[in-house]
PDB file of N, CA and C in Angstrom:
ATOM      1  N   MET A   1      78.897 133.880  84.695  1.00  0.00           N
ATOM      2  CA  MET A   1      80.311 133.948  84.985  1.00  0.00           C
ATOM      3  C   MET A   1      80.599 133.558  86.415  1.00  0.00           C
ATOM      4  N   ARG A   2      79.658 133.894  87.336  1.00  0.00           N
ATOM      5  CA  ARG A   2      79.875 133.557  88.719  1.00  0.00           C
ATOM      6  C   ARG A   2      79.860 132.037  88.948  1.00  0.00           C
ATOM      7  N   ARG A   3      79.087 131.320  88.188  1.00  0.00           N
ATOM      8  CA  ARG A   3      79.037 129.851  88.274  1.00  0.00           C
ATOM      9  C   ARG A   3      80.401 129.214  87.986  1.00  0.00           C
ATOM     10  N   LYS A   4      81.125 129.766  86.963  1.00  0.00           N
ATOM     11  CA  LYS A   4      82.448 129.243  86.628  1.00  0.00           C
ATOM     12  C   LYS A   4      83.425 129.392  87.817  1.00  0.00           C
ATOM     13  N   GLY A   5      83.298 130.526  88.486  1.00  0.00           N
ATOM     14  CA  GLY A   5      84.153 130.782  89.639  1.00  0.00           C
ATOM     15  C   GLY A   5      83.945 129.761  90.768  1.00  0.00           C
ATOM     16  N   ILE A   6      82.650 129.460  90.986  1.00  0.00           N
ATOM     17  CA  ILE A   6      82.296 128.490  92.045  1.00  0.00           C
ATOM     18  C   ILE A   6      82.798 127.084  91.683  1.00  0.00           C
ATOM     19  N   VAL A   7      82.615 126.699  90.416  1.00  0.00           N
ATOM     20  CA  VAL A   7      83.065 125.388  89.972  1.00  0.00           C
ATOM     21  C   VAL A   7      84.580 125.299  90.102  1.00  0.00           C
ATOM     22  N   LEU A   8      85.276 126.353  89.656  1.00  0.00           N
ATOM     23  CA  LEU A   8      86.733 126.341  89.740  1.00  0.00           C
ATOM     24  C   LEU A   8      87.167 126.264  91.192  1.00  0.00           C
ATOM     25  N   SER A   9      86.485 127.009  92.058  1.00  0.00           N
ATOM     26  CA  SER A   9      86.817 126.984  93.490  1.00  0.00           C
ATOM     27  C   SER A   9      86.606 125.584  94.037  1.00  0.00           C
ATOM     28  N   ASN A  10      85.556 124.935  93.704  1.00  0.00           N
ATOM     29  CA  ASN A  10      85.274 123.572  94.186  1.00  0.00           C
ATOM     30  C   ASN A  10      86.319 122.594  93.675  1.00  0.00           C
ATOM     31  N   LEU A  11      86.751 122.758  92.413  1.00  0.00           N
ATOM     32  CA  LEU A  11      87.779 121.862  91.863  1.00  0.00           C
ATOM     33  C   LEU A  11      89.085 122.058  92.592  1.00  0.00           C
ATOM     34  N   LEU A  12      89.467 123.286  92.939  1.00  0.00           N
ATOM     35  CA  LEU A  12      90.684 123.562  93.671  1.00  0.00           C
ATOM     36  C   LEU A  12      90.633 122.944  95.054  1.00  0.00           C
ATOM     37  N   VAL A  13      89.528 123.065  95.733  1.00  0.00           N
ATOM     38  CA  VAL A  13      89.373 122.470  97.055  1.00  0.00           C
ATOM     39  C   VAL A  13      89.479 120.943  96.961  1.00  0.00           C
ATOM     40  N   ALA A  14      88.823 120.333  95.993  1.00  0.00           N
ATOM     41  CA  ALA A  14      88.888 118.910  95.782  1.00  0.00           C
ATOM     42  C   ALA A  14      90.331 118.433  95.507  1.00  0.00           C
ATOM     43  N   ALA A  15      91.055 119.188  94.663  1.00  0.00           N
ATOM     44  CA  ALA A  15      92.431 118.847  94.315  1.00  0.00           C
ATOM     45  C   ALA A  15      93.323 118.946  95.569  1.00  0.00           C
ATOM     46  N   ALA A  16      93.095 119.972  96.397  1.00  0.00           N
ATOM     47  CA  ALA A  16      93.894 120.145  97.626  1.00  0.00           C
ATOM     48  C   ALA A  16      93.613 118.982  98.584  1.00  0.00           C
ATOM     49  N   LEU A  17      92.357 118.585  98.738  1.00  0.00           N
ATOM     50  CA  LEU A  17      92.036 117.480  99.654  1.00  0.00           C
ATOM     51  C   LEU A  17      92.603 116.140  99.150  1.00  0.00           C
ATOM     52  N   LEU A  18      92.558 115.961  97.871  1.00  0.00           N
ATOM     53  CA  LEU A  18      93.176 114.743  97.289  1.00  0.00           C
ATOM     54  C   LEU A  18      94.688 114.735  97.536  1.00  0.00           C
ATOM     55  N   GLY A  19      95.329 115.871  97.370  1.00  0.00           N
ATOM     56  CA  GLY A  19      96.766 115.975  97.647  1.00  0.00           C
ATOM     57  C   GLY A  19      97.106 115.628  99.098  1.00  0.00           C
ATOM     58  N   LEU A  20      96.293 116.140 100.024  1.00  0.00           N
ATOM     59  CA  LEU A  20      96.520 115.814 101.443  1.00  0.00           C
ATOM     60  C   LEU A  20      96.305 114.351 101.741  1.00  0.00           C
ATOM     61  N   LEU A  21      95.311 113.777 101.101  1.00  0.00           N
ATOM     62  CA  LEU A  21      95.028 112.327 101.290  1.00  0.00           C
ATOM     63  C   LEU A  21      96.197 111.490 100.787  1.00  0.00           C
ATOM     64  N   LEU A  22      96.699 111.843  99.602  1.00  0.00           N
ATOM     65  CA  LEU A  22      97.822 111.103  99.058  1.00  0.00           C
ATOM     66  C   LEU A  22      99.086 111.269  99.882  1.00  0.00           C
ATOM     67  N   ALA A  23      99.331 112.476 100.391  1.00  0.00           N
ATOM     68  CA  ALA A  23     100.466 112.692 101.235  1.00  0.00           C
ATOM     69  C   ALA A  23     100.359 111.875 102.536  1.00  0.00           C
ATOM     70  N   GLY A  24      99.184 111.791 103.085  1.00  0.00           N
ATOM     71  CA  GLY A  24      98.998 110.996 104.277  1.00  0.00           C
ATOM     72  C   GLY A  24      99.248 109.532 104.044  1.00  0.00           C
ATOM     73  N   ALA A  25      98.855 109.040 102.886  1.00  0.00           N
ATOM     74  CA  ALA A  25      99.096 107.643 102.523  1.00  0.00           C
ATOM     75  C   ALA A  25     100.581 107.364 102.389  1.00  0.00           C
ATOM     76  N   ALA A  26     101.324 108.329 101.860  1.00  0.00           N
ATOM     77  CA  ALA A  26     102.758 108.141 101.682  1.00  0.00           C
ATOM     78  C   ALA A  26     103.465 108.062 103.029  1.00  0.00           C
ATOM     79  N   VAL A  27     103.024 108.853 103.987  1.00  0.00           N
ATOM     80  CA  VAL A  27     103.611 108.836 105.331  1.00  0.00           C
ATOM     81  C   VAL A  27     103.237 107.574 106.073  1.00  0.00           C
ATOM     82  N   ALA A  28     102.024 107.138 105.936  1.00  0.00           N
ATOM     83  CA  ALA A  28     101.522 106.029 106.696  1.00  0.00           C
ATOM     84  C   ALA A  28     102.169 104.721 106.347  1.00  0.00           C
ATOM     85  N   GLY A  29     102.575 104.509 105.135  1.00  0.00           N
ATOM     86  CA  GLY A  29     103.138 103.223 104.742  1.00  0.00           C
ATOM     87  C   GLY A  29     102.039 102.254 104.362  1.00  0.00           C
ATOM     88  N   ARG A  30     102.418 101.004 104.178  1.00  0.00           N
ATOM     89  CA  ARG A  30     101.420  99.989 103.832  1.00  0.00           C
ATOM     90  C   ARG A  30     100.634  99.507 105.027  1.00  0.00           C
ATOM     91  N   ALA A  31      99.445  99.021 104.785  1.00  0.00           N
ATOM     92  CA  ALA A  31      98.601  98.492 105.860  1.00  0.00           C
ATOM     93  C   ALA A  31      99.240  97.279 106.502  1.00  0.00           C
ATOM     94  N   GLY A  32      99.197  97.207 107.826  1.00  0.00           N
ATOM     95  CA  GLY A  32      99.769  96.077 108.552  1.00  0.00           C
ATOM     96  C   GLY A  32     101.308  96.181 108.691  1.00  0.00           C
ATOM     97  N   GLU A  33     101.863  97.335 108.395  1.00  0.00           N
ATOM     98  CA  GLU A  33     103.326  97.499 108.441  1.00  0.00           C
ATOM     99  C   GLU A  33     103.665  98.747 109.207  1.00  0.00           C
ATOM    100  N   ALA A  34     104.668  98.668 110.059  1.00  0.00           N
ATOM    101  CA  ALA A  34     105.188  99.826 110.778  1.00  0.00           C
ATOM    102  C   ALA A  34     106.576 100.127 110.295  1.00  0.00           C
ATOM    103  N   TYR A  35     107.117 101.300 110.569  1.00  0.00           N
ATOM    104  CA  TYR A  35     108.471 101.606 110.090  1.00  0.00           C
ATOM    105  C   TYR A  35     109.155 102.621 110.985  1.00  0.00           C
ATOM    106  N   SER A  36     110.480 102.673 110.849  1.00  0.00           N
ATOM    107  CA  SER A  36     111.252 103.730 111.461  1.00  0.00           C
ATOM    108  C   SER A  36     112.261 104.212 110.444  1.00  0.00           C
ATOM    109  N   VAL A  37     112.629 105.461 110.510  1.00  0.00           N
ATOM    110  CA  VAL A  37     113.603 106.062 109.601  1.00  0.00           C
ATOM    111  C   VAL A  37     114.605 106.831 110.402  1.00  0.00           C
ATOM    112  N   LEU A  38     115.892 106.660 110.093  1.00  0.00           N
ATOM    113  CA  LEU A  38     116.944 107.488 110.706  1.00  0.00           C
ATOM    114  C   LEU A  38     117.595 108.289 109.577  1.00  0.00           C
ATOM    115  N   TYR A  39     117.795 109.587 109.829  1.00  0.00           N
ATOM    116  CA  TYR A  39     118.380 110.501 108.834  1.00  0.00           C
ATOM    117  C   TYR A  39     119.794 110.866 109.284  1.00  0.00           C
ATOM    118  N   PHE A  40     120.736 110.961 108.317  1.00  0.00           N
ATOM    119  CA  PHE A  40     122.127 111.245 108.600  1.00  0.00           C
ATOM    120  C   PHE A  40     122.634 112.411 107.788  1.00  0.00           C
ATOM    121  N   ASP A  41     123.589 113.132 108.373  1.00  0.00           N
ATOM    122  CA  ASP A  41     124.204 114.232 107.622  1.00  0.00           C
ATOM    123  C   ASP A  41     125.326 113.676 106.756  1.00  0.00           C
ATOM    124  N   GLU A  42     126.044 114.541 106.031  1.00  0.00           N
ATOM    125  CA  GLU A  42     127.107 114.108 105.143  1.00  0.00           C
ATOM    126  C   GLU A  42     128.204 113.323 105.845  1.00  0.00           C
ATOM    127  N   ALA A  43     128.434 113.636 107.143  1.00  0.00           N
ATOM    128  CA  ALA A  43     129.501 112.975 107.892  1.00  0.00           C
ATOM    129  C   ALA A  43     129.041 111.654 108.505  1.00  0.00           C
ATOM    130  N   GLY A  44     127.766 111.315 108.359  1.00  0.00           N
ATOM    131  CA  GLY A  44     127.248 110.061 108.865  1.00  0.00           C
ATOM    132  C   GLY A  44     126.672 110.194 110.279  1.00  0.00           C
ATOM    133  N   ASN A  45     126.534 111.418 110.774  1.00  0.00           N
ATOM    134  CA  ASN A  45     125.953 111.613 112.102  1.00  0.00           C
ATOM    135  C   ASN A  45     124.432 111.602 112.002  1.00  0.00           C
ATOM    136  N   GLU A  46     123.776 110.996 112.982  1.00  0.00           N
ATOM    137  CA  GLU A  46     122.352 110.926 113.017  1.00  0.00           C
ATOM    138  C   GLU A  46     121.803 112.341 113.350  1.00  0.00           C
ATOM    139  N   VAL A  47     120.915 112.810 112.488  1.00  0.00           N
ATOM    140  CA  VAL A  47     120.365 114.162 112.683  1.00  0.00           C
ATOM    141  C   VAL A  47     118.841 114.242 112.784  1.00  0.00           C
ATOM    142  N   GLY A  48     118.168 113.095 112.630  1.00  0.00           N
ATOM    143  CA  GLY A  48     116.727 113.086 112.675  1.00  0.00           C
ATOM    144  C   GLY A  48     116.155 111.683 112.592  1.00  0.00           C
ATOM    145  N   GLY A  49     114.875 111.552 112.789  1.00  0.00           N
ATOM    146  CA  GLY A  49     114.240 110.276 112.697  1.00  0.00           C
ATOM    147  C   GLY A  49     112.746 110.382 112.694  1.00  0.00           C
ATOM    148  N   ALA A  50     112.111 109.280 112.358  1.00  0.00           N
ATOM    149  CA  ALA A  50     110.654 109.189 112.363  1.00  0.00           C
ATOM    150  C   ALA A  50     110.246 107.760 112.610  1.00  0.00           C
ATOM    151  N   THR A  51     109.097 107.597 113.270  1.00  0.00           N
ATOM    152  CA  THR A  51     108.582 106.261 113.516  1.00  0.00           C
ATOM    153  C   THR A  51     107.063 106.272 113.358  1.00  0.00           C
ATOM    154  N   ALA A  52     106.541 105.270 112.686  1.00  0.00           N
ATOM    155  CA  ALA A  52     105.112 105.021 112.619  1.00  0.00           C
ATOM    156  C   ALA A  52     104.895 103.629 113.168  1.00  0.00           C
ATOM    157  N   ASN A  53     104.284 103.535 114.345  1.00  0.00           N
ATOM    158  CA  ASN A  53     104.199 102.218 114.987  1.00  0.00           C
ATOM    159  C   ASN A  53     102.887 101.504 114.598  1.00  0.00           C
ATOM    160  N   CYS A  54     102.726 100.298 115.094  1.00  0.00           N
ATOM    161  CA  CYS A  54     101.595  99.446 114.727  1.00  0.00           C
ATOM    162  C   CYS A  54     100.282 100.035 115.276  1.00  0.00           C
ATOM    163  N   GLY A  55     100.342 100.855 116.309  1.00  0.00           N
ATOM    164  CA  GLY A  55      99.130 101.454 116.876  1.00  0.00           C
ATOM    165  C   GLY A  55      98.664 102.689 116.133  1.00  0.00           C
ATOM    166  N   GLY A  56      99.426 103.112 115.110  1.00  0.00           N
ATOM    167  CA  GLY A  56      99.021 104.230 114.302  1.00  0.00           C
ATOM    168  C   GLY A  56      99.623 105.555 114.708  1.00  0.00           C
ATOM    169  N   GLN A  57     100.440 105.587 115.731  1.00  0.00           N
ATOM    170  CA  GLN A  57     101.080 106.846 116.134  1.00  0.00           C
ATOM    171  C   GLN A  57     102.310 107.124 115.265  1.00  0.00           C
ATOM    172  N   TYR A  58     102.439 108.379 114.899  1.00  0.00           N
ATOM    173  CA  TYR A  58     103.593 108.843 114.080  1.00  0.00           C
ATOM    174  C   TYR A  58     104.303 109.906 114.906  1.00  0.00           C
ATOM    175  N   THR A  59     105.630 109.744 115.048  1.00  0.00           N
ATOM    176  CA  THR A  59     106.467 110.741 115.691  1.00  0.00           C
ATOM    177  C   THR A  59     107.702 111.005 114.817  1.00  0.00           C
ATOM    178  N   SER A  60     108.191 112.215 114.897  1.00  0.00           N
ATOM    179  CA  SER A  60     109.424 112.574 114.174  1.00  0.00           C
ATOM    180  C   SER A  60     110.207 113.581 114.970  1.00  0.00           C
ATOM    181  N   TRP A  61     111.472 113.706 114.708  1.00  0.00           N
ATOM    182  CA  TRP A  61     112.327 114.636 115.375  1.00  0.00           C
ATOM    183  C   TRP A  61     113.482 115.012 114.429  1.00  0.00           C
ATOM    184  N   GLY A  62     114.117 116.112 114.703  1.00  0.00           N
ATOM    185  CA  GLY A  62     115.293 116.519 113.959  1.00  0.00           C
ATOM    186  C   GLY A  62     114.966 116.941 112.556  1.00  0.00           C
ATOM    187  N   GLU A  63     115.931 116.722 111.671  1.00  0.00           N
ATOM    188  CA  GLU A  63     115.775 117.142 110.272  1.00  0.00           C
ATOM    189  C   GLU A  63     115.816 115.936 109.336  1.00  0.00           C
ATOM    190  N   ARG A  64     115.202 116.125 108.176  1.00  0.00           N
ATOM    191  CA  ARG A  64     115.237 115.101 107.147  1.00  0.00           C
ATOM    192  C   ARG A  64     116.329 115.415 106.169  1.00  0.00           C
ATOM    193  N   THR A  65     117.023 114.402 105.725  1.00  0.00           N
ATOM    194  CA  THR A  65     118.093 114.541 104.739  1.00  0.00           C
ATOM    195  C   THR A  65     117.949 113.498 103.620  1.00  0.00           C
ATOM    196  N   GLU A  66     118.805 113.601 102.640  1.00  0.00           N
ATOM    197  CA  GLU A  66     118.794 112.635 101.562  1.00  0.00           C
ATOM    198  C   GLU A  66     119.404 111.307 101.976  1.00  0.00           C
ATOM    199  N   HIS A  67     120.127 111.270 103.060  1.00  0.00           N
ATOM    200  CA  HIS A  67     120.819 110.070 103.550  1.00  0.00           C
ATOM    201  C   HIS A  67     120.005 109.491 104.705  1.00  0.00           C
ATOM    202  N   TYR A  68     119.402 108.344 104.481  1.00  0.00           N
ATOM    203  CA  TYR A  68     118.607 107.754 105.536  1.00  0.00           C
ATOM    204  C   TYR A  68     118.590 106.216 105.419  1.00  0.00           C
ATOM    205  N   VAL A  69     118.145 105.618 106.526  1.00  0.00           N
ATOM    206  CA  VAL A  69     117.927 104.163 106.588  1.00  0.00           C
ATOM    207  C   VAL A  69     116.503 103.968 107.044  1.00  0.00           C
ATOM    208  N   ARG A  70     115.752 103.202 106.314  1.00  0.00           N
ATOM    209  CA  ARG A  70     114.346 102.919 106.672  1.00  0.00           C
ATOM    210  C   ARG A  70     114.223 101.424 107.010  1.00  0.00           C
ATOM    211  N   ARG A  71     113.634 101.148 108.147  1.00  0.00           N
ATOM    212  CA  ARG A  71     113.409  99.776 108.602  1.00  0.00           C
ATOM    213  C   ARG A  71     111.879  99.583 108.721  1.00  0.00           C
ATOM    214  N   THR A  72     111.391  98.450 108.204  1.00  0.00           N
ATOM    215  CA  THR A  72     109.986  98.129 108.335  1.00  0.00           C
ATOM    216  C   THR A  72     109.775  96.805 109.012  1.00  0.00           C
ATOM    217  N   TRP A  73     108.648  96.614 109.601  1.00  0.00           N
ATOM    218  CA  TRP A  73     108.266  95.333 110.215  1.00  0.00           C
ATOM    219  C   TRP A  73     106.788  95.147 110.088  1.00  0.00           C
ATOM    220  N   ILE A  74     106.378  93.891 110.146  1.00  0.00           N
ATOM    221  CA  ILE A  74     104.960  93.512 110.007  1.00  0.00           C
ATOM    222  C   ILE A  74     104.332  93.577 111.386  1.00  0.00           C
ATOM    223  N   CYS A  75     103.143  94.160 111.442  1.00  0.00           N
ATOM    224  CA  CYS A  75     102.403  94.260 112.732  1.00  0.00           C
ATOM    225  C   CYS A  75     101.624  92.959 112.928  1.00  0.00           C
ATOM    226  N   ASP A  76     101.566  92.509 114.190  1.00  0.00           N
ATOM    227  CA  ASP A  76     100.779  91.277 114.509  1.00  0.00           C
ATOM    228  C   ASP A  76      99.311  91.577 114.576  1.00  0.00           C
TER     229      ASP A  76
END
């Protein structure tokens, strides 16, 4: 019975790591591409943003909303 618990524990850890990996890929964008995102409230005011530059740095500020503009560019 103890073996089942260890196997289940290992499967949960593997699933959690895979989830983190996939989440990181979603944030990072495509290889060779950088992006910026601006978030807006219902009135159209800028309330947040995020940038992933060509050097691999990611920064964000403010809040995320359903209203946003995403710009991408190709890295040299």
